[in-house]
């Protein structure tokens, strides 16, 4: 998604800063996986970003999984702070903050949503949290749509990204429901 939107800018400096932030983000995940002793199964470029799949191991503690998941956004946030502190490129700071915020959105195919999934799966409050997350996702989409409707053109890319994330989440939920029906 961001690939398509970033190339609309057509400014080499912006493109390089964006991909620099993406590279730092993914290196954060990989370094955390190495530190945590988690084997990487594969790395895939998807419509929502790069997906690094770890080897499935039920014995991996929750804290270790969360560490690996949240390390990418943490690296973006850290580099934004370091760059700001050192008086570096404002563009690099803004793009890293944007990557941090994007990846922390509560969609299961992003780091923040995947972390929430790990924390709520199998708990007593899972259903209630899922309903709350659905409301938050819907609220984000409605807010972005309202901003676009009111003529705030800077929200148009955010609206498009949220629409794609919302549809992807909806499709994935449909696939999960079909799998569940097979087992019932």
Protein backbone atom coordinates (compact mmCIF):
# COMPACT_ATOMS: atom_id res chain seq x y z
CA UNK A 1 0.00 0.00 0.00
CA UNK A 2 2.66 2.42 1.04
CA UNK A 3 4.73 1.46 -2.01
CA UNK A 4 2.00 2.68 -4.32
CA UNK A 5 1.34 5.82 -2.29
CA UNK A 6 5.01 6.73 -1.81
CA UNK A 7 5.67 6.57 -5.54
CA UNK A 8 2.92 9.12 -6.09
CA UNK A 9 5.26 11.56 -4.34
CA UNK A 10 8.03 10.95 -6.89
CA UNK A 11 10.63 12.69 -4.78
CA UNK A 12 13.79 10.63 -4.43
CA UNK A 13 14.58 11.92 -0.93
CA UNK A 14 11.13 10.91 0.37
CA UNK A 15 11.34 7.47 -1.23
CA UNK A 16 14.83 6.85 0.23
CA UNK A 17 13.77 8.00 3.72
CA UNK A 18 10.67 5.80 3.55
CA UNK A 19 12.54 2.67 2.50
CA UNK A 20 15.27 3.44 5.04
CA UNK A 21 12.59 3.45 7.76
CA UNK A 22 11.10 0.20 6.41
CA UNK A 23 14.53 -1.44 6.38
CA UNK A 24 15.19 -0.35 9.98
CA UNK A 25 11.76 -1.67 11.00
CA UNK A 26 12.34 -5.12 9.51
CA UNK A 27 15.90 -5.28 10.82
CA UNK A 28 14.44 -4.57 14.27
CA UNK A 29 12.20 -7.64 13.94
CA UNK A 30 15.06 -9.80 12.64
CA UNK A 31 17.49 -8.69 15.37
CA UNK A 32 14.84 -9.31 18.05
CA UNK A 33 14.15 -12.77 16.59
CA UNK A 34 17.86 -13.58 16.73
CA UNK A 35 18.12 -12.31 20.33
CA UNK A 36 15.00 -14.28 21.30
CA UNK A 37 16.27 -17.42 19.55
CA UNK A 38 13.29 -17.54 17.19
CA UNK A 39 13.93 -19.08 13.77
CA UNK A 40 12.63 -17.16 10.76
CA UNK A 41 10.63 -19.34 8.37
CA UNK A 42 10.21 -16.89 5.46
CA UNK A 43 10.01 -13.23 4.49
CA UNK A 44 7.18 -12.20 2.13
CA UNK A 45 6.20 -8.88 0.58
CA UNK A 46 2.42 -8.47 0.94
CA UNK A 47 -0.18 -5.79 0.26
CA UNK A 48 0.11 -4.48 3.82
CA UNK A 49 3.89 -4.63 4.09
CA UNK A 50 6.62 -7.17 4.66
CA UNK A 51 5.64 -10.29 6.59
CA UNK A 52 8.31 -12.18 8.48
CA UNK A 53 6.99 -15.58 9.52
CA UNK A 54 8.61 -17.28 12.49
CA UNK A 55 8.78 -21.04 12.90
CA UNK A 56 5.66 -22.20 14.78
CA UNK A 57 6.54 -23.30 18.26
CA UNK A 58 3.95 -23.49 21.01
CA UNK A 59 6.73 -23.47 23.60
CA UNK A 60 7.77 -19.88 22.74
CA UNK A 61 6.79 -17.69 25.70
CA UNK A 62 4.31 -14.86 25.19
CA UNK A 63 6.88 -12.24 26.26
CA UNK A 64 9.34 -13.41 23.60
CA UNK A 65 6.69 -13.30 20.87
CA UNK A 66 5.62 -9.80 21.92
CA UNK A 67 9.27 -8.69 22.01
CA UNK A 68 9.80 -9.80 18.40
CA UNK A 69 6.46 -8.35 17.23
CA UNK A 70 6.89 -4.94 18.82
CA UNK A 71 10.60 -4.52 18.08
CA UNK A 72 9.99 -3.21 14.53
CA UNK A 73 7.75 -0.32 15.61
CA UNK A 74 10.06 0.32 18.60
CA UNK A 75 13.02 0.72 16.23
CA UNK A 76 11.05 3.23 14.13
CA UNK A 77 10.14 5.20 17.25
CA UNK A 78 13.73 5.08 18.55
CA UNK A 79 15.21 6.24 15.23
CA UNK A 80 12.66 9.05 15.02
CA UNK A 81 13.72 10.19 18.50
CA UNK A 82 17.43 9.83 17.85
CA UNK A 83 17.20 11.64 14.51
CA UNK A 84 15.15 14.46 16.09
CA UNK A 85 17.59 14.75 19.01
CA UNK A 86 20.60 14.91 16.66
CA UNK A 87 18.89 17.52 14.48
CA UNK A 88 18.66 15.20 11.50
CA UNK A 89 16.18 15.10 8.66
CA UNK A 90 12.68 16.18 9.67
CA UNK A 91 11.33 14.02 6.83
CA UNK A 92 13.09 10.91 8.23
CA UNK A 93 11.64 11.66 11.68
CA UNK A 94 8.10 12.07 10.29
CA UNK A 95 8.27 8.94 8.14
CA UNK A 96 9.55 6.82 11.04
CA UNK A 97 6.78 8.16 13.28
CA UNK A 98 4.28 7.37 10.52
CA UNK A 99 5.65 3.82 10.19
CA UNK A 100 5.43 3.42 13.97
CA UNK A 101 1.80 4.61 14.08
CA UNK A 102 0.79 2.57 11.02
CA UNK A 103 2.28 -0.64 12.42
CA UNK A 104 0.68 -0.12 15.83
CA UNK A 105 -2.87 0.14 14.43
CA UNK A 106 -5.20 -2.57 15.79
CA UNK A 107 -5.43 -4.66 12.62
CA UNK A 108 -4.31 -8.31 13.03
CA UNK A 109 -2.07 -8.17 9.97
CA UNK A 110 -0.04 -5.32 11.54
CA UNK A 111 2.31 -5.55 14.52
CA UNK A 112 0.00 -3.80 16.99
CA UNK A 113 -3.01 -5.90 16.08
CA UNK A 114 -0.97 -9.11 16.12
CA UNK A 115 0.29 -8.22 19.62
CA UNK A 116 -3.30 -7.66 20.77
CA UNK A 117 -4.28 -11.02 19.25
CA UNK A 118 -1.54 -12.74 21.26
CA UNK A 119 -2.67 -11.05 24.45
CA UNK A 120 -6.41 -11.76 24.14
CA UNK A 121 -6.56 -15.19 22.51
CA UNK A 122 -8.17 -17.66 24.85
CA UNK A 123 -8.94 -15.15 27.60
CA UNK A 124 -12.30 -14.55 29.29
CA UNK A 125 -12.55 -11.06 27.81
CA UNK A 126 -11.59 -12.04 24.24
CA UNK A 127 -15.06 -11.48 22.77
CA UNK A 128 -15.47 -8.06 24.42
CA UNK A 129 -12.02 -6.91 23.30
CA UNK A 130 -12.72 -8.09 19.74
CA UNK A 131 -15.95 -6.05 19.72
CA UNK A 132 -14.06 -3.02 21.04
CA UNK A 133 -11.36 -3.44 18.40
CA UNK A 134 -14.00 -3.69 15.67
CA UNK A 135 -15.50 -0.41 16.92
CA UNK A 136 -12.05 1.25 17.00
CA UNK A 137 -11.28 0.08 13.45
CA UNK A 138 -14.65 1.33 12.25
CA UNK A 139 -14.11 4.64 14.08
CA UNK A 140 -10.73 5.11 12.41
CA UNK A 141 -12.28 4.50 9.00
CA UNK A 142 -15.23 6.84 9.65
CA UNK A 143 -12.91 9.58 10.96
CA UNK A 144 -10.68 9.38 7.90
CA UNK A 145 -13.73 9.33 5.59
CA UNK A 146 -15.17 12.39 7.34
CA UNK A 147 -11.85 14.24 6.99
CA UNK A 148 -11.76 13.46 3.27
CA UNK A 149 -15.41 14.50 2.91
CA UNK A 150 -14.60 17.80 4.66
CA UNK A 151 -11.86 18.44 2.11
CA UNK A 152 -8.77 17.65 4.16
CA UNK A 153 -6.80 16.17 1.27
CA UNK A 154 -3.93 14.96 3.48
CA UNK A 155 -6.29 12.31 4.89
CA UNK A 156 -7.00 10.72 1.51
CA UNK A 157 -3.98 8.34 1.59
CA UNK A 158 -4.82 7.44 5.21
CA UNK A 159 -8.42 6.75 4.18
CA UNK A 160 -7.27 4.49 1.30
CA UNK A 161 -4.89 2.60 3.61
CA UNK A 162 -7.63 2.12 6.21
CA UNK A 163 -10.08 0.89 3.56
CA UNK A 164 -7.54 -1.69 2.37
CA UNK A 165 -6.75 -2.77 5.95
CA UNK A 166 -10.45 -2.97 6.80
CA UNK A 167 -11.23 -5.08 3.70
CA UNK A 168 -8.21 -7.34 4.28
CA UNK A 169 -9.29 -7.87 7.89
CA UNK A 170 -12.86 -8.61 6.78
CA UNK A 171 -11.67 -11.16 4.18
CA UNK A 172 -9.33 -12.84 6.70
CA UNK A 173 -12.16 -13.08 9.24
CA UNK A 174 -14.33 -14.73 6.57
CA UNK A 175 -11.60 -17.28 5.87
CA UNK A 176 -11.22 -18.01 9.58
CA UNK A 177 -15.00 -18.49 9.92
CA UNK A 178 -15.02 -20.99 7.01
CA UNK A 179 -12.18 -22.95 8.62
CA UNK A 180 -14.07 -23.03 11.90
CA UNK A 181 -17.20 -24.38 10.14
CA UNK A 182 -15.15 -27.27 8.73
CA UNK A 183 -14.15 -28.33 12.24
CA UNK A 184 -17.63 -27.99 13.79
